């Protein structure tokens, strides 16, 4: 139970203070005197009169103060949610090994930055269906849309540069994600594309895939990873031995902006681990407003019983004062 005007609950206390603070009425006329009657023993009715009538008046004022404070019962009704369908499209090409991702511990690769932030994002999607597509020379479906976010999180943590080849088939990655989302009938649908932004492979143009997404009503949020250009460290299969400086990794911002604009999504640039985390907070707000409605509160007024109690107590006090407890001067 909650109260709209809780300060009105202090009225009974104010009534008691006013009653006990009132000075006693002194008699002016001394004759004729009825003082001799004071020595007579008081009957049970006389002794009970004041406590009972005062108690009834206190109940009346207390019940009225509770009613005036507007007691309410608030019930929260969860709105029906159809859930979100989100497919993560991650660049797993060689360029994602570029060491230009600042963290509080120094520089790391773009791929490591993706893995740490995206895994945390996936873990928080308990009410959504999440899928994962990776692309390099070609695109691969790592996980279909599923509510098993623990599995998707594990797949994200296992991503490695070049696991899908050296190329960057952005269009193919988007096309595969659109194919999966087109089959979904319920809930909102969105794609989050993470890449260094250079389309160097594949059969589908990224802008052509964006046009298809727009026709299907699917938003694509694009995230450009890295600072724009950074050296690549090429390592042979044997490990660090023989590592050498590789080519520079370019960053194509124009294409990512166009993809987002065509589909009604948003473009973001994640230049550091902290910026990447902030990007996902913004994406969460964008997808939430499209699907999740606030819960509805049902308010039930509870003042009526207290008004009835006050009325009955007051009428009972009046009836007793005029009959059984009637006082004749």
Foldseek 3Di string as FASTA:
>chain_A
DDFQAVVLLCQLVVVVVVVVPDDDDDDDDPPPHPVVCVVPDDDPLVVVLVVLLVVLLSLLSNLVSRLVRWDKDKDWFFDDFQAEEEEEEEEQALLQQFFQAQDPVGTGGNLVLCLVQVLVVLVPRQRHWYWYWYAAQAIDTPGATDNPSVVVNVVSNPRHHCPHHHHGALQRSLVVQCVRVLPDDIHAYEYEYEDLADHDHDDGDLLNSLLVLQVSLYAYEYEHTADAKGWGWDDPPVPPPPIDTDDIRGHDQVSNCSSRVSNVHYYYYNHYSVSVNVVSVVVVVVRCVVTGDDIDMDMDTDSVVSNVSSVVSVVVSVVCCVPVSPDDD
